[in-house]
Amino acid sequence: MHLAPKQILINSHIKLKRGLVLEEVERTIEEVEILIKEAEPKVEMIFLEAARDELLGIQDSAPQAAG
C-alpha cells in the first residue's frame, strides 16, 4: 500500500514450514523483511503474519513455504 509517493506499507500473511521453533520463525521473518527492504527501499513498514494453511485457504499446491 502506498501511503505517500515515497512511503510503502507491506501487510502480508506468510506460510512457514511446519515444525519450526520460535528462534527459526523469528530469524525467517527478519530475513523476509530484509529481502523486501533490499528489493524496494521505499518500504517503511512491514507487517507479516504467519498463519496456518487452513486459515489462509491454502492447499498443498501452494508455493513453497519460507523458513
PDB file of N, CA and C in Angstrom:
ATOM      1  N   MET A   1       0.833  -1.164   0.000  1.00  0.00           N
ATOM      2  CA  MET A   1       0.000   0.000   0.000  1.00  0.00           C
ATOM      3  C   MET A   1       0.889   1.243   0.000  1.00  0.00           C
ATOM      4  N   HIS A   2       0.654   2.124  -0.955  1.00  0.00           N
ATOM      5  CA  HIS A   2       1.391   3.393  -0.984  1.00  0.00           C
ATOM      6  C   HIS A   2       0.726   4.363  -0.016  1.00  0.00           C
ATOM      7  N   LEU A   3       1.474   4.825   0.973  1.00  0.00           N
ATOM      8  CA  LEU A   3       0.961   5.812   1.913  1.00  0.00           C
ATOM      9  C   LEU A   3       1.281   7.223   1.442  1.00  0.00           C
ATOM     10  N   ALA A   4       2.353   7.342   0.705  1.00  0.00           N
ATOM     11  CA  ALA A   4       2.813   8.595   0.124  1.00  0.00           C
ATOM     12  C   ALA A   4       3.687   8.217  -1.073  1.00  0.00           C
ATOM     13  N   PRO A   5       4.083   9.184  -1.904  1.00  0.00           N
ATOM     14  CA  PRO A   5       4.881   8.839  -3.083  1.00  0.00           C
ATOM     15  C   PRO A   5       6.149   8.028  -2.778  1.00  0.00           C
ATOM     16  N   LYS A   6       6.742   8.272  -1.630  1.00  0.00           N
ATOM     17  CA  LYS A   6       7.972   7.556  -1.290  1.00  0.00           C
ATOM     18  C   LYS A   6       7.835   6.757   0.002  1.00  0.00           C
ATOM     19  N   GLN A   7       6.623   6.333   0.309  1.00  0.00           N
ATOM     20  CA  GLN A   7       6.379   5.581   1.546  1.00  0.00           C
ATOM     21  C   GLN A   7       5.435   4.420   1.248  1.00  0.00           C
ATOM     22  N   ILE A   8       5.913   3.203   1.542  1.00  0.00           N
ATOM     23  CA  ILE A   8       5.141   1.997   1.246  1.00  0.00           C
ATOM     24  C   ILE A   8       4.970   1.173   2.518  1.00  0.00           C
ATOM     25  N   LEU A   9       3.778   0.599   2.662  1.00  0.00           N
ATOM     26  CA  LEU A   9       3.452  -0.308   3.754  1.00  0.00           C
ATOM     27  C   LEU A   9       3.195  -1.685   3.155  1.00  0.00           C
ATOM     28  N   ILE A  10       3.784  -2.709   3.742  1.00  0.00           N
ATOM     29  CA  ILE A  10       3.540  -4.096   3.329  1.00  0.00           C
ATOM     30  C   ILE A  10       2.794  -4.788   4.467  1.00  0.00           C
ATOM     31  N   ASN A  11       1.678  -5.416   4.138  1.00  0.00           N
ATOM     32  CA  ASN A  11       0.911  -6.196   5.114  1.00  0.00           C
ATOM     33  C   ASN A  11       0.613  -7.529   4.454  1.00  0.00           C
ATOM     34  N   SER A  12       1.149  -8.619   5.016  1.00  0.00           N
ATOM     35  CA  SER A  12       1.050  -9.897   4.319  1.00  0.00           C
ATOM     36  C   SER A  12       0.955 -11.069   5.284  1.00  0.00           C
ATOM     37  N   HIS A  13       0.234 -12.095   4.833  1.00  0.00           N
ATOM     38  CA  HIS A  13       0.248 -13.380   5.516  1.00  0.00           C
ATOM     39  C   HIS A  13       1.369 -14.188   4.892  1.00  0.00           C
ATOM     40  N   ILE A  14       2.102 -14.927   5.705  1.00  0.00           N
ATOM     41  CA  ILE A  14       3.148 -15.785   5.166  1.00  0.00           C
ATOM     42  C   ILE A  14       2.951 -17.198   5.679  1.00  0.00           C
ATOM     43  N   LYS A  15       3.336 -18.136   4.857  1.00  0.00           N
ATOM     44  CA  LYS A  15       3.252 -19.547   5.211  1.00  0.00           C
ATOM     45  C   LYS A  15       4.664 -20.023   5.532  1.00  0.00           C
ATOM     46  N   LEU A  16       4.861 -20.517   6.748  1.00  0.00           N
ATOM     47  CA  LEU A  16       6.161 -21.035   7.167  1.00  0.00           C
ATOM     48  C   LEU A  16       6.133 -22.557   7.168  1.00  0.00           C
ATOM     49  N   LYS A  17       7.315 -23.135   7.078  1.00  0.00           N
ATOM     50  CA  LYS A  17       7.416 -24.590   7.164  1.00  0.00           C
ATOM     51  C   LYS A  17       6.904 -25.056   8.516  1.00  0.00           C
ATOM     52  N   ARG A  18       6.281 -26.196   8.539  1.00  0.00           N
ATOM     53  CA  ARG A  18       5.800 -26.784   9.794  1.00  0.00           C
ATOM     54  C   ARG A  18       6.985 -27.214  10.656  1.00  0.00           C
ATOM     55  N   GLY A  19       6.811 -27.144  11.965  1.00  0.00           N
ATOM     56  CA  GLY A  19       7.810 -27.660  12.883  1.00  0.00           C
ATOM     57  C   GLY A  19       8.933 -26.709  13.242  1.00  0.00           C
ATOM     58  N   LEU A  20       8.869 -25.454  12.795  1.00  0.00           N
ATOM     59  CA  LEU A  20       9.921 -24.502  13.150  1.00  0.00           C
ATOM     60  C   LEU A  20       9.808 -24.124  14.625  1.00  0.00           C
ATOM     61  N   VAL A  21      10.935 -23.946  15.266  1.00  0.00           N
ATOM     62  CA  VAL A  21      10.936 -23.459  16.644  1.00  0.00           C
ATOM     63  C   VAL A  21      10.918 -21.934  16.610  1.00  0.00           C
ATOM     64  N   LEU A  22      10.624 -21.312  17.736  1.00  0.00           N
ATOM     65  CA  LEU A  22      10.456 -19.864  17.799  1.00  0.00           C
ATOM     66  C   LEU A  22      11.633 -19.107  17.200  1.00  0.00           C
ATOM     67  N   GLU A  23      12.849 -19.513  17.523  1.00  0.00           N
ATOM     68  CA  GLU A  23      14.032 -18.820  17.004  1.00  0.00           C
ATOM     69  C   GLU A  23      14.090 -18.880  15.480  1.00  0.00           C
ATOM     70  N   GLU A  24      13.683 -19.998  14.905  1.00  0.00           N
ATOM     71  CA  GLU A  24      13.686 -20.141  13.446  1.00  0.00           C
ATOM     72  C   GLU A  24      12.609 -19.252  12.811  1.00  0.00           C
ATOM     73  N   VAL A  25      11.464 -19.154  13.466  1.00  0.00           N
ATOM     74  CA  VAL A  25      10.392 -18.281  12.964  1.00  0.00           C
ATOM     75  C   VAL A  25      10.866 -16.830  12.993  1.00  0.00           C
ATOM     76  N   GLU A  26      11.452 -16.401  14.110  1.00  0.00           N
ATOM     77  CA  GLU A  26      11.945 -15.028  14.227  1.00  0.00           C
ATOM     78  C   GLU A  26      13.003 -14.726  13.172  1.00  0.00           C
ATOM     79  N   ARG A  27      13.947 -15.647  12.983  1.00  0.00           N
ATOM     80  CA  ARG A  27      15.016 -15.446  12.010  1.00  0.00           C
ATOM     81  C   ARG A  27      14.450 -15.377  10.585  1.00  0.00           C
ATOM     82  N   THR A  28      13.487 -16.231  10.287  1.00  0.00           N
ATOM     83  CA  THR A  28      12.887 -16.242   8.957  1.00  0.00           C
ATOM     84  C   THR A  28      12.154 -14.933   8.678  1.00  0.00           C
ATOM     85  N   ILE A  29      11.407 -14.442   9.658  1.00  0.00           N
ATOM     86  CA  ILE A  29      10.686 -13.185   9.479  1.00  0.00           C
ATOM     87  C   ILE A  29      11.668 -12.037   9.262  1.00  0.00           C
ATOM     88  N   GLU A  30      12.753 -12.016  10.022  1.00  0.00           N
ATOM     89  CA  GLU A  30      13.781 -10.982   9.830  1.00  0.00           C
ATOM     90  C   GLU A  30      14.368 -11.053   8.430  1.00  0.00           C
ATOM     91  N   GLU A  31      14.645 -12.270   7.944  1.00  0.00           N
ATOM     92  CA  GLU A  31      15.206 -12.444   6.606  1.00  0.00           C
ATOM     93  C   GLU A  31      14.242 -11.949   5.534  1.00  0.00           C
ATOM     94  N   VAL A  32      12.955 -12.256   5.693  1.00  0.00           N
ATOM     95  CA  VAL A  32      11.955 -11.814   4.721  1.00  0.00           C
ATOM     96  C   VAL A  32      11.884 -10.289   4.709  1.00  0.00           C
ATOM     97  N   GLU A  33      11.892  -9.670   5.894  1.00  0.00           N
ATOM     98  CA  GLU A  33      11.846  -8.205   5.972  1.00  0.00           C
ATOM     99  C   GLU A  33      13.070  -7.574   5.306  1.00  0.00           C
ATOM    100  N   ILE A  34      14.240  -8.153   5.514  1.00  0.00           N
ATOM    101  CA  ILE A  34      15.459  -7.641   4.890  1.00  0.00           C
ATOM    102  C   ILE A  34      15.369  -7.743   3.369  1.00  0.00           C
ATOM    103  N   LEU A  35      14.908  -8.878   2.864  1.00  0.00           N
ATOM    104  CA  LEU A  35      14.787  -9.061   1.413  1.00  0.00           C
ATOM    105  C   LEU A  35      13.795  -8.082   0.801  1.00  0.00           C
ATOM    106  N   ILE A  36      12.693  -7.831   1.494  1.00  0.00           N
ATOM    107  CA  ILE A  36      11.706  -6.865   0.994  1.00  0.00           C
ATOM    108  C   ILE A  36      12.333  -5.478   0.915  1.00  0.00           C
ATOM    109  N   LYS A  37      13.014  -5.055   1.980  1.00  0.00           N
ATOM    110  CA  LYS A  37      13.608  -3.713   2.006  1.00  0.00           C
ATOM    111  C   LYS A  37      14.732  -3.571   0.987  1.00  0.00           C
ATOM    112  N   GLU A  38      15.476  -4.646   0.731  1.00  0.00           N
ATOM    113  CA  GLU A  38      16.508  -4.596  -0.302  1.00  0.00           C
ATOM    114  C   GLU A  38      15.883  -4.462  -1.688  1.00  0.00           C
ATOM    115  N   ALA A  39      14.766  -5.144  -1.903  1.00  0.00           N
ATOM    116  CA  ALA A  39      14.095  -5.097  -3.205  1.00  0.00           C
ATOM    117  C   ALA A  39      13.410  -3.756  -3.440  1.00  0.00           C
ATOM    118  N   GLU A  40      12.901  -3.146  -2.368  1.00  0.00           N
ATOM    119  CA  GLU A  40      12.207  -1.865  -2.502  1.00  0.00           C
ATOM    120  C   GLU A  40      12.507  -0.981  -1.301  1.00  0.00           C
ATOM    121  N   PRO A  41      13.501  -0.106  -1.418  1.00  0.00           N
ATOM    122  CA  PRO A  41      13.922   0.748  -0.299  1.00  0.00           C
ATOM    123  C   PRO A  41      12.848   1.700   0.219  1.00  0.00           C
ATOM    124  N   LYS A  42      11.801   1.955  -0.553  1.00  0.00           N
ATOM    125  CA  LYS A  42      10.732   2.855  -0.108  1.00  0.00           C
ATOM    126  C   LYS A  42       9.827   2.220   0.948  1.00  0.00           C
ATOM    127  N   VAL A  43       9.978   0.916   1.167  1.00  0.00           N
ATOM    128  CA  VAL A  43       9.157   0.236   2.174  1.00  0.00           C
ATOM    129  C   VAL A  43       9.605   0.704   3.558  1.00  0.00           C
ATOM    130  N   GLU A  44       8.662   1.283   4.294  1.00  0.00           N
ATOM    131  CA  GLU A  44       8.965   1.780   5.628  1.00  0.00           C
ATOM    132  C   GLU A  44       8.390   0.908   6.736  1.00  0.00           C
ATOM    133  N   MET A  45       7.238   0.292   6.461  1.00  0.00           N
ATOM    134  CA  MET A  45       6.589  -0.537   7.469  1.00  0.00           C
ATOM    135  C   MET A  45       6.240  -1.891   6.869  1.00  0.00           C
ATOM    136  N   ILE A  46       6.535  -2.948   7.631  1.00  0.00           N
ATOM    137  CA  ILE A  46       6.226  -4.304   7.187  1.00  0.00           C
ATOM    138  C   ILE A  46       5.508  -5.019   8.321  1.00  0.00           C
ATOM    139  N   PHE A  47       4.335  -5.551   8.014  1.00  0.00           N
ATOM    140  CA  PHE A  47       3.585  -6.352   8.969  1.00  0.00           C
ATOM    141  C   PHE A  47       3.404  -7.737   8.357  1.00  0.00           C
ATOM    142  N   LEU A  48       4.073  -8.728   8.914  1.00  0.00           N
ATOM    143  CA  LEU A  48       3.964 -10.106   8.433  1.00  0.00           C
ATOM    144  C   LEU A  48       3.236 -10.922   9.483  1.00  0.00           C
ATOM    145  N   GLU A  49       2.287 -11.704   9.047  1.00  0.00           N
ATOM    146  CA  GLU A  49       1.552 -12.566   9.955  1.00  0.00           C
ATOM    147  C   GLU A  49       1.681 -13.999   9.472  1.00  0.00           C
ATOM    148  N   ALA A  50       2.208 -14.854  10.326  1.00  0.00           N
ATOM    149  CA  ALA A  50       2.309 -16.273   9.998  1.00  0.00           C
ATOM    150  C   ALA A  50       0.969 -16.918  10.323  1.00  0.00           C
ATOM    151  N   ALA A  51       0.448 -17.680   9.390  1.00  0.00           N
ATOM    152  CA  ALA A  51      -0.853 -18.309   9.592  1.00  0.00           C
ATOM    153  C   ALA A  51      -0.809 -19.747   9.107  1.00  0.00           C
ATOM    154  N   ARG A  52      -1.629 -20.575   9.723  1.00  0.00           N
ATOM    155  CA  ARG A  52      -1.737 -21.973   9.313  1.00  0.00           C
ATOM    156  C   ARG A  52      -2.425 -22.057   7.955  1.00  0.00           C
ATOM    157  N   ASP A  53      -2.147 -23.133   7.227  1.00  0.00           N
ATOM    158  CA  ASP A  53      -2.704 -23.346   5.893  1.00  0.00           C
ATOM    159  C   ASP A  53      -4.215 -23.174   5.855  1.00  0.00           C
ATOM    160  N   GLU A  54      -4.908 -23.789   6.807  1.00  0.00           N
ATOM    161  CA  GLU A  54      -6.370 -23.763   6.768  1.00  0.00           C
ATOM    162  C   GLU A  54      -6.926 -22.350   6.991  1.00  0.00           C
ATOM    163  N   LEU A  55      -6.185 -21.494   7.679  1.00  0.00           N
ATOM    164  CA  LEU A  55      -6.627 -20.110   7.884  1.00  0.00           C
ATOM    165  C   LEU A  55      -6.412 -19.271   6.638  1.00  0.00           C
ATOM    166  N   LEU A  56      -5.446 -19.654   5.811  1.00  0.00           N
ATOM    167  CA  LEU A  56      -5.155 -18.922   4.586  1.00  0.00           C
ATOM    168  C   LEU A  56      -5.943 -19.459   3.391  1.00  0.00           C
ATOM    169  N   GLY A  57      -6.562 -20.623   3.565  1.00  0.00           N
ATOM    170  CA  GLY A  57      -7.258 -21.245   2.443  1.00  0.00           C
ATOM    171  C   GLY A  57      -6.281 -21.813   1.431  1.00  0.00           C
ATOM    172  N   ILE A  58      -5.092 -22.200   1.885  1.00  0.00           N
ATOM    173  CA  ILE A  58      -4.034 -22.705   1.007  1.00  0.00           C
ATOM    174  C   ILE A  58      -4.101 -24.226   0.961  1.00  0.00           C
ATOM    175  N   GLN A  59      -3.932 -24.771  -0.233  1.00  0.00           N
ATOM    176  CA  GLN A  59      -3.853 -26.213  -0.400  1.00  0.00           C
ATOM    177  C   GLN A  59      -2.406 -26.606  -0.627  1.00  0.00           C
ATOM    178  N   ASP A  60      -2.142 -27.891  -0.709  1.00  0.00           N
ATOM    179  CA  ASP A  60      -0.766 -28.382  -0.872  1.00  0.00           C
ATOM    180  C   ASP A  60      -0.086 -27.877  -2.141  1.00  0.00           C
ATOM    181  N   SER A  61      -0.843 -27.400  -3.124  1.00  0.00           N
ATOM    182  CA  SER A  61      -0.263 -26.939  -4.379  1.00  0.00           C
ATOM    183  C   SER A  61       0.270 -25.502  -4.280  1.00  0.00           C
ATOM    184  N   ALA A  62       0.231 -24.908  -3.088  1.00  0.00           N
ATOM    185  CA  ALA A  62       0.700 -23.521  -2.901  1.00  0.00           C
ATOM    186  C   ALA A  62       2.211 -23.447  -3.086  1.00  0.00           C
ATOM    187  N   PRO A  63       2.737 -22.251  -3.351  1.00  0.00           N
ATOM    188  CA  PRO A  63       4.191 -22.090  -3.464  1.00  0.00           C
ATOM    189  C   PRO A  63       4.892 -22.556  -2.201  1.00  0.00           C
ATOM    190  N   GLN A  64       6.156 -22.883  -2.339  1.00  0.00           N
ATOM    191  CA  GLN A  64       6.928 -23.409  -1.222  1.00  0.00           C
ATOM    192  C   GLN A  64       6.969 -22.403  -0.066  1.00  0.00           C
ATOM    193  N   ALA A  65       6.895 -22.948   1.143  1.00  0.00           N
ATOM    194  CA  ALA A  65       6.884 -22.123   2.342  1.00  0.00           C
ATOM    195  C   ALA A  65       8.269 -21.572   2.641  1.00  0.00           C
ATOM    196  N   ALA A  66       8.295 -20.475   3.369  1.00  0.00           N
ATOM    197  CA  ALA A  66       9.553 -19.871   3.818  1.00  0.00           C
ATOM    198  C   ALA A  66       9.985 -20.536   5.107  1.00  0.00           C
ATOM    199  N   GLY A  67      11.267 -20.370   5.425  1.00  0.00           N
ATOM    200  CA  GLY A  67      11.743 -20.862   6.712  1.00  0.00           C
ATOM    201  C   GLY A  67      12.742 -21.964   6.583  1.00  0.00           C
TER     202      GLY A  67
END
